[in-house]
Amino acid sequence: PKIAIVGQPNVGKSSLLNAFIGEERNIVTNIAGTTRDSIHTRYNLFNKDLLLIDTAGLRKKEKVKENLEFFSTIRAINALDEADVCVLMIDAQTGIEGQDLAILRTAEAKKKGVVIAVNKWDLIEDKSSNTLKNHEEAILHRIAPFTDVPVIFISALEKQRILK
């Protein structure tokens, strides 16, 4: 199976891939646009051979200004076409935004399996007993009618719940 890791810039797509493979293979910075091409990586988990595809961050069309970013976006969409399943990465601090919904709709239109990974959960300070449940309900409300999409709260940097 081919699994594309998609999302907006700086949500932790490359960090997640690095966490999976256990090495710093993909460059990670807080500068948007560091990943410019889709990077394919073979991964073997529980004796299952997978192909992970790290993609460039997807911005709204009107925010894409450079030719390089335009072609990075096209390569990310092509990776989505190639994939069987998409991991849609969302930043826990900003929550689900309009661009995340656009990426989700694109994946759904292309008939791809989708898992939403809410990354940077370790940076959320108020973690009372209902915080996770409230965040999940808010996401499911925003993505309706696609309420059967699994939502996982992770920290790629701290490697928390990434294998879930």
Protein backbone atom coordinates (compact mmCIF):
# COMPACT_ATOMS: atom_id res chain seq x y z
CA PRO A 1 0.00 0.00 0.00
CA LYS A 2 1.02 3.58 -0.68
CA ILE A 3 0.36 6.11 2.08
CA ALA A 4 0.65 9.82 1.28
CA ILE A 5 1.24 12.24 4.14
CA VAL A 6 -0.53 15.45 3.12
CA GLY A 7 -1.44 18.75 4.74
CA GLN A 8 -0.62 22.41 4.96
CA PRO A 9 2.97 23.65 5.28
CA ASN A 10 4.68 23.12 8.67
CA VAL A 11 2.20 20.68 10.18
CA GLY A 12 4.84 17.97 10.66
CA LYS A 13 4.60 15.76 7.58
CA SER A 14 8.36 15.21 7.28
CA SER A 15 8.69 14.85 11.05
CA LEU A 16 6.11 12.04 11.00
CA LEU A 17 7.96 10.17 8.27
CA ASN A 18 11.26 10.61 10.15
CA ALA A 19 9.59 9.32 13.34
CA PHE A 20 8.29 6.24 11.50
CA ILE A 21 11.62 5.28 10.00
CA GLY A 22 13.66 6.21 13.08
CA GLU A 23 16.14 8.48 11.34
CA GLU A 24 16.36 12.07 10.14
CA ARG A 25 16.06 11.27 6.45
CA ASN A 26 13.86 14.22 5.45
CA ILE A 27 14.87 17.79 6.27
CA VAL A 28 12.70 19.41 8.95
CA THR A 29 12.69 23.17 9.56
CA ASN A 30 10.11 25.72 10.62
CA ILE A 31 10.50 27.42 7.22
CA ALA A 32 7.51 26.71 4.99
CA GLY A 33 8.40 25.11 1.68
CA THR A 34 11.36 23.01 2.84
CA THR A 35 9.87 19.88 1.24
CA ARG A 36 9.44 20.68 -2.44
CA ASP A 37 9.11 17.28 -4.03
CA SER A 38 7.27 14.14 -3.01
CA ILE A 39 9.68 11.78 -1.29
CA HIS A 40 8.96 8.04 -1.48
CA THR A 41 10.26 5.87 1.37
CA ARG A 42 9.87 2.11 1.79
CA TYR A 43 8.80 1.17 5.29
CA ASN A 44 8.36 -2.23 6.87
CA LEU A 45 6.08 -2.37 9.91
CA PHE A 46 4.86 -5.59 11.51
CA ASN A 47 6.11 -7.48 8.43
CA LYS A 48 4.00 -5.25 6.16
CA ASP A 49 5.84 -3.51 3.35
CA LEU A 50 4.52 0.03 2.84
CA LEU A 51 5.48 2.99 0.69
CA LEU A 52 5.28 6.28 2.58
CA ILE A 53 5.08 9.45 0.49
CA ASP A 54 6.08 12.73 2.15
CA THR A 55 4.60 15.66 0.23
CA ALA A 56 5.06 19.41 0.04
CA GLY A 57 2.63 21.54 2.03
CA LEU A 58 -0.54 22.46 0.18
CA ARG A 59 -1.58 26.11 0.36
CA LYS A 60 -4.65 27.85 -1.00
CA LYS A 61 -4.32 28.53 -4.73
CA GLU A 62 -4.25 32.31 -4.27
CA LYS A 63 -1.31 32.03 -1.85
CA VAL A 64 0.86 30.08 -4.30
CA LYS A 65 3.06 32.79 -5.80
CA GLU A 66 6.26 31.18 -7.05
CA ASN A 67 6.63 28.75 -9.95
CA LEU A 68 8.57 26.40 -7.67
CA GLU A 69 5.71 26.26 -5.18
CA PHE A 70 3.21 25.75 -8.01
CA PHE A 71 5.12 22.68 -9.22
CA SER A 72 5.52 21.42 -5.62
CA THR A 73 1.73 21.60 -5.28
CA ILE A 74 1.24 19.65 -8.50
CA ARG A 75 3.65 16.94 -7.29
CA ALA A 76 1.79 16.73 -3.96
CA ILE A 77 -1.54 16.30 -5.77
CA ASN A 78 0.06 13.63 -7.99
CA ALA A 79 1.23 11.82 -4.83
CA LEU A 80 -2.34 11.94 -3.57
CA ASP A 81 -3.45 10.37 -6.87
CA GLU A 82 -0.85 7.64 -6.49
CA ALA A 83 -1.69 6.81 -2.86
CA ASP A 84 -4.15 4.28 -1.52
CA VAL A 85 -4.53 6.08 1.81
CA CYS A 86 -3.85 9.68 2.84
CA VAL A 87 -2.78 10.80 6.28
CA LEU A 88 -4.11 14.35 6.54
CA MET A 89 -1.90 16.16 9.05
CA ILE A 90 -3.50 19.00 11.02
CA ASP A 91 -1.77 21.30 13.49
CA ALA A 92 -3.35 20.85 16.94
CA GLN A 93 -2.72 24.49 17.82
CA THR A 94 -4.64 25.92 14.85
CA GLY A 95 -7.24 23.17 14.53
CA ILE A 96 -8.91 22.20 11.28
CA GLU A 97 -8.95 25.06 8.79
CA GLY A 98 -10.56 25.68 5.41
CA GLN A 99 -7.49 24.47 3.54
CA ASP A 100 -7.53 21.21 5.51
CA LEU A 101 -11.15 20.73 4.45
CA ALA A 102 -10.20 21.38 0.82
CA ILE A 103 -7.47 18.73 1.02
CA LEU A 104 -9.93 16.29 2.63
CA ARG A 105 -12.51 16.95 -0.12
CA THR A 106 -9.83 16.35 -2.77
CA ALA A 107 -8.86 13.02 -1.17
CA GLU A 108 -12.52 12.01 -0.88
CA ALA A 109 -13.20 12.98 -4.51
CA LYS A 110 -10.27 10.80 -5.57
CA LYS A 111 -11.77 7.96 -3.50
CA LYS A 112 -8.79 7.67 -1.14
CA GLY A 113 -8.88 6.32 2.37
CA VAL A 114 -8.22 9.11 4.86
CA VAL A 115 -6.90 9.25 8.41
CA ILE A 116 -6.69 12.62 10.15
CA ALA A 117 -3.58 12.97 12.32
CA VAL A 118 -3.75 15.95 14.67
CA ASN A 119 -0.06 16.66 15.22
CA LYS A 120 1.71 18.71 17.89
CA TRP A 121 -0.71 17.46 20.55
CA ASP A 122 2.17 17.68 23.04
CA LEU A 123 2.02 21.50 22.69
CA ILE A 124 -1.59 21.72 23.89
CA GLU A 125 -1.34 22.87 27.49
CA ASP A 126 -4.93 22.50 28.71
CA LYS A 127 -5.45 18.74 28.68
CA SER A 128 -8.37 18.26 31.00
CA SER A 129 -10.38 15.04 30.85
CA ASN A 130 -12.53 16.23 27.92
CA THR A 131 -9.97 18.18 25.87
CA LEU A 132 -9.22 15.40 23.38
CA LYS A 133 -12.88 14.46 23.05
CA ASN A 134 -13.89 18.09 22.49
CA HIS A 135 -11.21 18.56 19.81
CA GLU A 136 -12.29 15.37 18.07
CA GLU A 137 -15.96 16.40 18.12
CA ALA A 138 -15.06 19.82 16.68
CA ILE A 139 -13.12 18.17 13.85
CA LEU A 140 -15.90 15.67 13.09
CA HIS A 141 -18.43 18.50 13.08
CA ARG A 142 -16.32 20.48 10.55
CA ILE A 143 -15.75 17.51 8.22
CA ALA A 144 -19.39 16.37 8.18
CA PRO A 145 -20.75 14.39 6.42
CA PHE A 146 -17.42 12.46 6.49
CA THR A 147 -17.85 11.43 10.13
CA ASP A 148 -16.38 7.94 9.65
CA VAL A 149 -12.84 9.32 9.22
CA PRO A 150 -10.50 8.18 12.02
CA VAL A 151 -8.98 11.06 14.01
CA ILE A 152 -5.71 10.37 15.85
CA PHE A 153 -3.93 12.81 18.17
CA ILE A 154 -0.16 12.48 17.85
CA SER A 155 3.17 14.15 18.41
CA ALA A 156 5.56 13.31 15.59
CA LEU A 157 8.40 15.09 17.38
CA GLU A 158 7.89 13.17 20.64
CA LYS A 159 6.85 9.98 18.75
CA GLN A 160 3.64 9.77 20.76
CA ARG A 161 0.79 7.60 19.40
CA ILE A 162 2.28 7.56 15.87
CA LEU A 163 1.84 3.80 15.45
CA LYS A 164 -1.83 4.04 16.34
